């Protein structure tokens, strides 16, 4: 099944995307083939993905110079991976290595000191890796001469209580990634023949890495399926069940792709409230409703169904009048209680000049009312959203204590999840790419979506779009 990133674009959106694709020619040129030996490799796409108080994760790709794999990138060229780092730009005394014999490099620096600035260079076969170019940000950290710099944060105060993996946009059943509405010049990207379906690869890697990173719970903010086909929902359920028990260890909210559908493939599912048959509700609802409040060790977690309305999924999200009334009443019950809200559509999308429709977020009127309610509910501190397939941290004036965290998609580049680490005196949010061999290969392949421009929209322009520490009294949690 082919699934588009979003919806039918307006004429203005067509002009915007024409400019983006045309702008690909403005990217920095790579070194010409004549300057390199024929058996050389070229390290590119260096990214500083994760920065915690004691660790940092770097990824890059090595390709064969002068080649083209048909997607506009060099063909993969296996190589070694080495990072030199230190606390002075001219004294990089630390060395870390990643696995050799792969073109998809993932190196984690450990044992770092909180609140210190580190300098580094990443290289393969002795050649420095060139960073991913972002028009509005720095993918590899702050350039400092011929090295890059980053500063580790202080940890959240107090003792660590528990961790939660925040994820979204698994799209089980999808077979072509990167299609945008009905733009005829945007070509999608398919999995390499003979390899497992990429949504399964990425979802399984999500579970493995979430557990390896210490997640006790998992929240999936919608679009777990391509188009809510029963077989795809069953596949999503079987993979997520390897993390734990639905309703206890992991919670699911509906996305627009998970909406009720009509047609023969959906006929055996329960009737939908607004249209068609609701296979998602049959697969994932434990209470008969697709929105809920749940207790996690004293933390109130509210899951919203942000497509609780009729439609084809290509318009703005929305809550039904009944759900909205329930939501506001739930917030009023205990306004001081530490609370996380998660749902598929963001309330608003900041720094999103290339949004191809007005459908990137929840209905604007509802979003304003929700932010106003957050302003009266001091316990709410985080709103997790998906849908945009990007990493973006936003804080809105109506609710200055609440962070809205959009998280990059599981199913494609950058391919991962955000780990929420809850401490008694605050919390940390850190985005991690998934690490299995198949996941790294697909993530690097799918970064070529939108004529290679996808990182501009999805990685996050600032390190703080992927990594944040907030001080806050959460001492009442277990």
Protein backbone atom coordinates (compact mmCIF):
# COMPACT_ATOMS: atom_id res chain seq x y z
CA UNK A 1 0.00 0.00 0.00
CA UNK A 2 1.23 3.49 -0.87
CA UNK A 3 0.77 6.17 1.76
CA UNK A 4 1.39 9.88 1.32
CA UNK A 5 3.02 12.08 3.92
CA UNK A 6 0.04 14.37 3.81
CA UNK A 7 -2.66 15.65 1.66
CA UNK A 8 -3.64 17.40 -1.57
CA UNK A 9 -1.62 20.63 -1.69
CA UNK A 10 -2.87 24.11 -2.47
CA UNK A 11 -1.49 26.20 -5.33
CA UNK A 12 0.65 28.13 -2.81
CA UNK A 13 2.01 24.86 -1.46
CA UNK A 14 2.89 23.72 -4.97
CA UNK A 15 4.96 26.85 -5.43
CA UNK A 16 6.68 26.33 -2.08
CA UNK A 17 7.63 22.76 -2.89
CA UNK A 18 8.77 23.73 -6.37
CA UNK A 19 11.23 26.10 -4.71
CA UNK A 20 12.40 23.43 -2.28
CA UNK A 21 13.10 20.83 -4.94
CA UNK A 22 14.75 23.40 -7.18
CA UNK A 23 16.87 24.47 -4.22
CA UNK A 24 18.50 21.05 -4.07
CA UNK A 25 20.97 22.30 -6.64
CA UNK A 26 22.18 24.87 -4.11
CA UNK A 27 23.53 22.27 -1.70
CA UNK A 28 27.30 22.31 -1.18
CA UNK A 29 29.13 20.38 -3.88
CA UNK A 30 31.10 17.30 -2.92
CA UNK A 31 34.75 16.85 -3.69
CA UNK A 32 35.29 15.91 -7.36
CA UNK A 33 36.24 12.33 -8.17
CA UNK A 34 39.56 13.36 -9.67
CA UNK A 35 40.80 14.41 -6.23
CA UNK A 36 40.34 10.95 -4.68
CA UNK A 37 41.73 7.49 -5.14
CA UNK A 38 39.39 5.07 -6.85
CA UNK A 39 39.20 2.83 -3.76
CA UNK A 40 38.46 5.74 -1.40
CA UNK A 41 35.28 6.34 0.56
CA UNK A 42 33.56 9.62 1.25
CA UNK A 43 32.09 10.11 4.77
CA UNK A 44 29.02 12.37 4.69
CA UNK A 45 25.77 13.10 6.54
CA UNK A 46 27.42 13.58 9.94
CA UNK A 47 24.81 14.28 12.62
CA UNK A 48 24.97 14.92 16.35
CA UNK A 49 21.74 13.12 17.16
CA UNK A 50 21.68 12.76 20.93
CA UNK A 51 23.34 14.69 23.76
CA UNK A 52 22.76 13.73 27.38
CA UNK A 53 24.68 14.73 30.48
CA UNK A 54 27.15 11.85 30.01
CA UNK A 55 26.77 10.62 26.41
CA UNK A 56 26.53 11.74 22.79
CA UNK A 57 25.45 9.81 19.68
CA UNK A 58 26.93 10.54 16.24
CA UNK A 59 25.88 9.01 12.92
CA UNK A 60 27.20 9.28 9.37
CA UNK A 61 27.37 7.47 6.04
CA UNK A 62 30.21 6.37 3.80
CA UNK A 63 29.68 6.18 0.05
CA UNK A 64 31.72 5.34 -3.02
CA UNK A 65 32.78 8.60 -4.69
CA UNK A 66 31.52 9.14 -8.22
CA UNK A 67 28.67 6.64 -7.94
CA UNK A 68 24.89 7.05 -7.80
CA UNK A 69 22.53 4.45 -6.38
CA UNK A 70 19.58 5.85 -8.33
CA UNK A 71 18.31 7.94 -5.42
CA UNK A 72 20.80 10.78 -5.82
CA UNK A 73 23.31 9.52 -3.26
CA UNK A 74 26.57 7.61 -3.50
CA UNK A 75 26.37 3.85 -3.42
CA UNK A 76 27.08 2.45 0.07
CA UNK A 77 30.76 1.79 0.81
CA UNK A 78 31.60 -0.12 4.02
CA UNK A 79 34.32 1.44 6.13
CA UNK A 80 35.55 2.00 9.68
CA UNK A 81 34.19 4.59 12.11
CA UNK A 82 36.30 6.64 14.51
CA UNK A 83 35.56 9.70 16.64
CA UNK A 84 38.32 11.77 18.23
CA UNK A 85 37.08 14.03 21.03
CA UNK A 86 38.21 16.10 23.99
CA UNK A 87 37.59 19.26 26.00
CA UNK A 88 40.01 21.39 23.97
CA UNK A 89 39.82 21.76 20.17
CA UNK A 90 43.52 21.05 19.70
CA UNK A 91 43.67 18.14 22.17
CA UNK A 92 41.27 15.43 21.08
CA UNK A 93 42.61 12.78 23.42
CA UNK A 94 39.51 10.58 23.57
CA UNK A 95 38.86 7.93 20.91
CA UNK A 96 35.64 5.99 20.25
CA UNK A 97 34.94 3.50 17.51
CA UNK A 98 31.84 2.10 15.88
CA UNK A 99 31.51 -1.21 14.06
CA UNK A 100 33.66 -1.55 10.93
CA UNK A 101 32.52 -3.09 7.68
CA UNK A 102 29.35 -1.02 7.36
CA UNK A 103 28.50 2.21 5.51
CA UNK A 104 25.96 3.15 8.22
CA UNK A 105 27.94 4.47 11.15
CA UNK A 106 26.68 4.89 14.71
CA UNK A 107 29.14 5.88 17.45
CA UNK A 108 28.20 6.61 21.05
CA UNK A 109 30.52 8.61 23.28
CA UNK A 110 30.20 7.62 26.94
CA UNK A 111 31.66 8.77 30.22
CA UNK A 112 31.28 12.48 29.43
CA UNK A 113 31.04 15.07 32.19
CA UNK A 114 27.87 17.13 32.69
CA UNK A 115 28.11 20.80 31.79
CA UNK A 116 31.30 20.46 29.72
CA UNK A 117 31.97 21.59 26.16
CA UNK A 118 33.47 18.88 23.98
CA UNK A 119 35.12 19.11 20.58
CA UNK A 120 35.22 16.27 18.10
CA UNK A 121 35.85 15.06 14.60
CA UNK A 122 34.32 11.93 13.08
CA UNK A 123 36.15 10.11 10.33
CA UNK A 124 36.34 7.00 8.19
CA UNK A 125 39.61 5.82 6.64
CA UNK A 126 41.20 8.95 8.06
CA UNK A 127 38.84 11.29 6.17
CA UNK A 128 36.68 13.72 8.16
CA UNK A 129 32.92 13.23 7.80
CA UNK A 130 31.06 16.17 6.25
CA UNK A 131 27.93 17.24 8.15
CA UNK A 132 24.37 17.12 6.90
CA UNK A 133 23.66 20.56 5.53
CA UNK A 134 20.68 22.33 7.10
CA UNK A 135 19.50 25.67 5.75
CA UNK A 136 18.32 26.82 9.19
CA UNK A 137 20.50 24.94 11.64
CA UNK A 138 23.58 22.88 12.43
CA UNK A 139 23.25 19.09 12.23
CA UNK A 140 26.65 18.16 13.69
CA UNK A 141 26.99 20.71 16.48
CA UNK A 142 28.72 24.09 16.43
CA UNK A 143 31.54 24.39 13.85
CA UNK A 144 34.84 25.35 15.49
CA UNK A 145 37.61 25.52 12.93
CA UNK A 146 38.01 22.03 11.53
CA UNK A 147 36.14 20.35 14.41
CA UNK A 148 32.64 20.52 15.91
CA UNK A 149 31.58 21.39 19.45
CA UNK A 150 28.69 20.54 21.76
CA UNK A 151 27.99 21.07 25.45
CA UNK A 152 26.57 18.40 27.71
CA UNK A 153 23.69 19.55 29.93
CA UNK A 154 23.39 19.16 33.66
CA UNK A 155 21.21 16.15 34.54
CA UNK A 156 17.66 16.65 35.79
CA UNK A 157 17.81 17.22 39.57
CA UNK A 158 16.95 14.44 41.99
CA UNK A 159 16.78 10.70 41.58
CA UNK A 160 15.69 8.96 38.40
CA UNK A 161 12.15 7.57 38.76
CA UNK A 162 11.29 5.95 35.43
CA UNK A 163 11.60 6.39 31.66
CA UNK A 164 9.03 6.51 28.86
CA UNK A 165 9.63 5.99 25.14
CA UNK A 166 7.66 8.54 23.06
CA UNK A 167 7.07 7.45 19.47
CA UNK A 168 4.69 7.90 16.54
CA UNK A 169 4.15 7.24 12.83
CA UNK A 170 4.96 3.54 12.51
CA UNK A 171 2.77 3.16 9.37
CA UNK A 172 2.64 -0.65 9.35
CA UNK A 173 1.56 -1.74 5.86
CA UNK A 174 3.15 1.15 3.97
CA UNK A 175 5.29 0.22 0.96
CA UNK A 176 6.35 3.58 -0.51
CA UNK A 177 7.79 6.35 1.66
CA UNK A 178 8.10 10.06 0.97
CA UNK A 179 5.13 10.74 -1.28
CA UNK A 180 3.67 14.22 -0.76
CA UNK A 181 0.03 14.62 -1.69
CA UNK A 182 -0.40 14.54 -5.44
CA UNK A 183 2.78 16.35 -6.43
CA UNK A 184 3.70 14.52 -9.64
CA UNK A 185 7.45 15.24 -9.50
CA UNK A 186 7.94 13.84 -5.98
CA UNK A 187 8.94 10.21 -6.24
CA UNK A 188 8.60 7.87 -3.31
CA UNK A 189 11.25 5.47 -2.06
CA UNK A 190 10.75 1.73 -1.70
CA UNK A 191 12.61 -0.89 0.28
CA UNK A 192 15.49 -2.70 -1.42
CA UNK A 193 14.07 -5.88 -3.04
CA UNK A 194 14.57 -8.94 -0.88
CA UNK A 195 14.66 -7.01 2.39
CA UNK A 196 11.88 -7.04 5.02
CA UNK A 197 9.15 -4.36 4.80
CA UNK A 198 10.62 -1.19 6.22
CA UNK A 199 7.78 -0.41 8.67
CA UNK A 200 8.36 -3.80 10.31
CA UNK A 201 12.12 -3.27 10.37
CA UNK A 202 11.78 0.11 12.04
CA UNK A 203 9.04 -0.91 14.49
CA UNK A 204 11.02 -3.93 15.68
CA UNK A 205 14.12 -1.79 16.06
CA UNK A 206 12.06 0.72 18.07
CA UNK A 207 11.09 -1.94 20.60
CA UNK A 208 14.64 -3.29 20.89
CA UNK A 209 16.19 0.15 21.38
CA UNK A 210 13.49 1.46 23.71
CA UNK A 211 14.11 -1.48 26.00
CA UNK A 212 17.90 -1.20 25.66
CA UNK A 213 17.71 2.50 26.60
CA UNK A 214 15.78 1.69 29.77
CA UNK A 215 12.20 2.58 28.84
CA UNK A 216 9.69 1.27 31.38
CA UNK A 217 6.69 2.45 29.35
CA UNK A 218 5.93 3.40 25.75
CA UNK A 219 3.47 5.93 24.30
CA UNK A 220 2.64 5.71 20.58
CA UNK A 221 1.03 8.92 19.32
CA UNK A 222 -0.84 7.62 16.31
CA UNK A 223 -0.49 6.41 12.74
CA UNK A 224 0.57 2.96 13.85
CA UNK A 225 -0.88 1.72 10.55
CA UNK A 226 -0.80 2.74 6.92
CA UNK A 227 -4.57 2.87 6.42
CA UNK A 228 -6.03 0.87 9.34
CA UNK A 229 -6.28 -2.44 7.46
CA UNK A 230 -6.95 -5.26 9.95
CA UNK A 231 -3.79 -7.17 8.94
CA UNK A 232 -1.61 -4.07 9.39
CA UNK A 233 -3.14 -3.27 12.77
CA UNK A 234 -2.59 -6.88 13.82
CA UNK A 235 1.04 -6.60 12.74
CA UNK A 236 1.46 -3.40 14.74
CA UNK A 237 -0.17 -5.01 17.76
CA UNK A 238 2.04 -8.11 17.57
CA UNK A 239 5.22 -5.99 17.43
CA UNK A 240 4.15 -3.62 20.19
CA UNK A 241 3.13 -6.54 22.37
CA UNK A 242 6.79 -7.57 22.46
CA UNK A 243 7.36 -4.44 24.55
CA UNK A 244 4.71 -5.38 27.11
CA UNK A 245 0.99 -5.32 27.80
CA UNK A 246 -1.36 -2.87 26.11
CA UNK A 247 -2.95 -0.62 28.72
CA UNK A 248 -0.24 -1.29 31.28
CA UNK A 249 3.19 -1.07 29.65
CA UNK A 250 2.26 0.76 26.47
CA UNK A 251 -0.55 3.10 25.38
CA UNK A 252 -1.75 4.01 21.88
CA UNK A 253 -3.53 7.08 20.49
CA UNK A 254 -5.22 7.22 17.09
CA UNK A 255 -3.75 9.07 14.10
CA UNK A 256 -5.46 10.17 10.91
CA UNK A 257 -4.21 7.08 9.05
CA UNK A 258 -5.82 4.94 11.76
CA UNK A 259 -9.29 6.47 11.20
CA UNK A 260 -12.38 4.40 10.44
CA UNK A 261 -12.52 3.34 6.78
CA UNK A 262 -15.18 2.07 4.42
CA UNK A 263 -14.91 -0.84 2.00
CA UNK A 264 -14.72 -4.60 1.90
CA UNK A 265 -11.34 -4.94 3.69
CA UNK A 266 -12.86 -3.25 6.75
CA UNK A 267 -16.28 -4.89 6.74
CA UNK A 268 -15.63 -7.27 9.64
CA UNK A 269 -14.74 -4.44 12.04
CA UNK A 270 -17.14 -2.62 14.36
CA UNK A 271 -19.10 0.32 12.92
CA UNK A 272 -17.27 3.62 13.26
CA UNK A 273 -18.74 6.49 15.22
CA UNK A 274 -18.40 8.94 12.33
CA UNK A 275 -18.03 6.73 9.25
CA UNK A 276 -17.16 3.27 7.96
CA UNK A 277 -15.75 0.57 10.20
CA UNK A 278 -13.34 1.20 13.05
CA UNK A 279 -10.68 -1.50 12.96
CA UNK A 280 -8.27 0.58 15.07
CA UNK A 281 -10.76 0.72 17.94
CA UNK A 282 -11.21 -3.05 17.76
CA UNK A 283 -7.45 -3.61 17.83
CA UNK A 284 -6.32 -1.12 20.46
CA UNK A 285 -9.16 0.20 22.59
CA UNK A 286 -9.29 -1.42 26.02
CA UNK A 287 -12.15 0.73 27.33
CA UNK A 288 -14.50 1.14 24.39
CA UNK A 289 -13.21 4.69 23.84
CA UNK A 290 -10.26 5.94 21.80
CA UNK A 291 -9.27 8.58 24.36
CA UNK A 292 -8.39 7.97 27.99
CA UNK A 293 -6.61 8.94 31.18
CA UNK A 294 -4.10 6.54 32.70
CA UNK A 295 -1.95 6.50 35.84
CA UNK A 296 1.80 5.79 35.52
CA UNK A 297 3.29 5.75 39.02
CA UNK A 298 1.32 8.86 39.93
CA UNK A 299 1.88 10.58 36.58
CA UNK A 300 -1.40 11.28 34.77
CA UNK A 301 -1.14 10.36 31.09
CA UNK A 302 -3.96 11.60 28.86
CA UNK A 303 -4.27 10.08 25.41
CA UNK A 304 -6.23 12.04 22.82
CA UNK A 305 -7.88 10.83 19.62
CA UNK A 306 -7.01 13.78 17.38
CA UNK A 307 -8.99 12.42 14.44
CA UNK A 308 -12.28 11.99 16.28
CA UNK A 309 -14.27 13.30 13.34
CA UNK A 310 -15.47 12.32 9.86
CA UNK A 311 -13.06 12.80 6.96
CA UNK A 312 -10.49 11.28 4.64
CA UNK A 313 -7.52 12.03 6.92
CA UNK A 314 -6.24 14.83 4.71
CA UNK A 315 -7.58 17.74 6.74
CA UNK A 316 -6.90 19.18 10.17
CA UNK A 317 -7.26 17.00 13.21
CA UNK A 318 -10.12 17.49 15.60
CA UNK A 319 -11.70 16.26 18.82
CA UNK A 320 -15.41 15.49 18.98
CA UNK A 321 -17.47 17.78 21.21
CA UNK A 322 -17.87 14.89 23.64
CA UNK A 323 -14.11 14.20 23.80
CA UNK A 324 -13.25 17.88 24.20
CA UNK A 325 -15.68 18.25 27.08
CA UNK A 326 -14.28 15.10 28.71
CA UNK A 327 -10.72 16.37 28.27
CA UNK A 328 -11.35 19.72 29.93
CA UNK A 329 -13.25 18.02 32.77
CA UNK A 330 -10.36 15.57 33.28
CA UNK A 331 -7.87 18.44 33.54
CA UNK A 332 -10.09 20.22 36.08
CA UNK A 333 -10.28 17.15 38.33
CA UNK A 334 -6.77 17.64 39.64
CA UNK A 335 -5.09 20.64 38.02
CA UNK A 336 -1.90 20.34 40.11
CA UNK A 337 -1.24 16.68 39.29
CA UNK A 338 1.83 16.08 37.06
CA UNK A 339 0.38 15.36 33.62
CA UNK A 340 1.51 14.39 30.13
CA UNK A 341 -0.84 14.66 27.16
CA UNK A 342 -0.17 12.80 23.93
CA UNK A 343 -1.99 12.72 20.62
CA UNK A 344 -1.18 12.54 16.94
CA UNK A 345 -1.69 16.10 15.67
CA UNK A 346 0.33 18.96 17.19
CA UNK A 347 -1.60 21.88 18.64
CA UNK A 348 0.27 24.28 16.36
CA UNK A 349 3.39 23.85 14.21
CA UNK A 350 6.15 26.41 14.62
CA UNK A 351 8.95 27.00 12.12
CA UNK A 352 7.09 25.04 9.48
CA UNK A 353 7.28 27.27 6.37
CA UNK A 354 7.05 24.28 4.07
CA UNK A 355 3.82 22.87 5.44
CA UNK A 356 2.04 21.82 2.27
CA UNK A 357 -1.50 22.23 3.62
CA UNK A 358 -3.26 23.68 6.61
CA UNK A 359 -3.59 20.12 7.91
CA UNK A 360 -0.38 19.77 9.89
CA UNK A 361 -2.08 20.40 13.23
CA UNK A 362 -5.26 20.20 15.25
CA UNK A 363 -8.16 22.52 14.49
CA UNK A 364 -6.87 25.99 15.43
CA UNK A 365 -9.88 26.91 17.55
CA UNK A 366 -9.63 23.72 19.57
CA UNK A 367 -5.88 24.21 19.98
CA UNK A 368 -6.40 27.68 21.43
CA UNK A 369 -8.95 26.35 23.90
CA UNK A 370 -6.60 23.51 24.89
CA UNK A 371 -3.69 25.90 25.47
CA UNK A 372 -5.98 28.11 27.56
CA UNK A 373 -6.94 25.05 29.61
CA UNK A 374 -3.25 24.19 30.03
CA UNK A 375 -2.70 27.69 31.36
CA UNK A 376 -5.22 26.90 34.13
CA UNK A 377 -3.68 23.45 34.78
CA UNK A 378 -0.20 23.89 36.23
CA UNK A 379 0.35 20.13 36.45
CA UNK A 380 0.56 19.72 32.67
CA UNK A 381 4.20 19.88 31.59
CA UNK A 382 4.47 17.98 28.28
CA UNK A 383 2.38 17.54 25.13
CA UNK A 384 3.77 14.83 22.82
CA UNK A 385 2.71 14.86 19.16
CA UNK A 386 3.57 13.18 15.88
CA UNK A 387 2.09 13.67 12.38
CA UNK A 388 4.76 16.07 11.10
CA UNK A 389 7.46 13.35 11.14
CA UNK A 390 9.95 15.84 12.56
CA UNK A 391 11.73 16.75 15.80
CA UNK A 392 10.54 20.14 17.02
CA UNK A 393 10.31 21.62 20.51
CA UNK A 394 7.79 24.45 20.98
CA UNK A 395 6.51 26.51 23.90
CA UNK A 396 3.46 28.72 23.40
CA UNK A 397 2.69 31.98 25.30
CA UNK A 398 -0.72 30.78 26.45
CA UNK A 399 0.88 27.85 28.30
CA UNK A 400 4.52 28.74 29.02
CA UNK A 401 5.04 25.81 31.41
CA UNK A 402 4.16 23.22 28.76
CA UNK A 403 6.61 21.86 26.18
CA UNK A 404 5.08 20.58 22.95
CA UNK A 405 7.46 17.94 21.61
CA UNK A 406 6.98 16.73 18.07
CA UNK A 407 8.92 13.50 17.52
CA UNK A 408 10.41 12.23 14.26
CA UNK A 409 8.72 9.24 12.64
CA UNK A 410 9.62 5.68 13.57
CA UNK A 411 9.18 4.42 10.01
CA UNK A 412 11.68 6.58 8.10
CA UNK A 413 14.61 8.96 8.53
CA UNK A 414 15.55 10.05 11.14
CA UNK A 415 13.89 6.86 12.36
CA UNK A 416 13.67 6.65 16.12
CA UNK A 417 11.97 7.76 19.32
CA UNK A 418 12.35 10.22 22.19
CA UNK A 419 13.19 8.91 25.64
CA UNK A 420 11.55 10.82 28.48
CA UNK A 421 13.55 10.35 31.68
CA UNK A 422 11.52 11.41 34.70
CA UNK A 423 13.44 12.54 37.80
CA UNK A 424 12.13 13.80 41.11
CA UNK A 425 13.36 17.30 40.25
CA UNK A 426 12.72 17.47 36.50
CA UNK A 427 12.90 15.56 33.26
CA UNK A 428 15.00 15.05 30.14
CA UNK A 429 13.93 14.45 26.53
CA UNK A 430 16.44 12.78 24.20
CA UNK A 431 15.87 11.57 20.65
CA UNK A 432 17.58 8.34 19.62
CA UNK A 433 17.87 6.83 16.17
CA UNK A 434 17.28 3.08 16.10
CA UNK A 435 20.41 0.97 15.71
CA UNK A 436 19.78 -2.39 14.04
CA UNK A 437 21.65 -2.97 10.78
CA UNK A 438 18.44 -3.02 8.72
CA UNK A 439 17.09 0.07 10.50
CA UNK A 440 20.25 2.10 9.90
CA UNK A 441 20.25 1.07 6.22
CA UNK A 442 16.61 2.05 5.68
CA UNK A 443 16.94 5.29 7.64
CA UNK A 444 19.86 6.35 5.45
CA UNK A 445 18.06 5.29 2.28
CA UNK A 446 14.86 7.14 3.20
CA UNK A 447 16.69 10.39 3.97
CA UNK A 448 16.62 10.83 0.17
CA UNK A 449 12.88 11.53 0.28
CA UNK A 450 11.81 14.80 -1.34
CA UNK A 451 14.82 14.81 -3.66
CA UNK A 452 17.17 14.55 -0.69
CA UNK A 453 15.62 17.48 1.18
CA UNK A 454 13.92 15.45 3.89
CA UNK A 455 16.54 16.17 6.62
CA UNK A 456 15.72 19.88 6.28
CA UNK A 457 12.22 19.16 7.57
CA UNK A 458 12.66 16.21 9.90
CA UNK A 459 15.93 16.05 11.86
CA UNK A 460 15.35 19.24 13.87
CA UNK A 461 17.28 22.44 13.22
CA UNK A 462 18.48 22.79 16.81
CA UNK A 463 20.06 20.25 19.12
CA UNK A 464 17.40 21.37 21.60
CA UNK A 465 14.69 20.17 19.22
CA UNK A 466 16.00 16.69 20.01
CA UNK A 467 17.51 17.07 23.50
CA UNK A 468 16.16 19.06 26.44
CA UNK A 469 16.47 19.11 30.24
CA UNK A 470 13.79 20.86 32.30
CA UNK A 471 13.85 21.46 36.08
CA UNK A 472 10.47 20.83 37.67
CA UNK A 473 9.20 19.43 40.96
CA UNK A 474 8.01 15.89 40.24
CA UNK A 475 8.85 14.52 43.69
CA UNK A 476 5.34 13.21 44.25
CA UNK A 477 5.73 10.54 41.58
CA UNK A 478 6.64 6.94 42.39
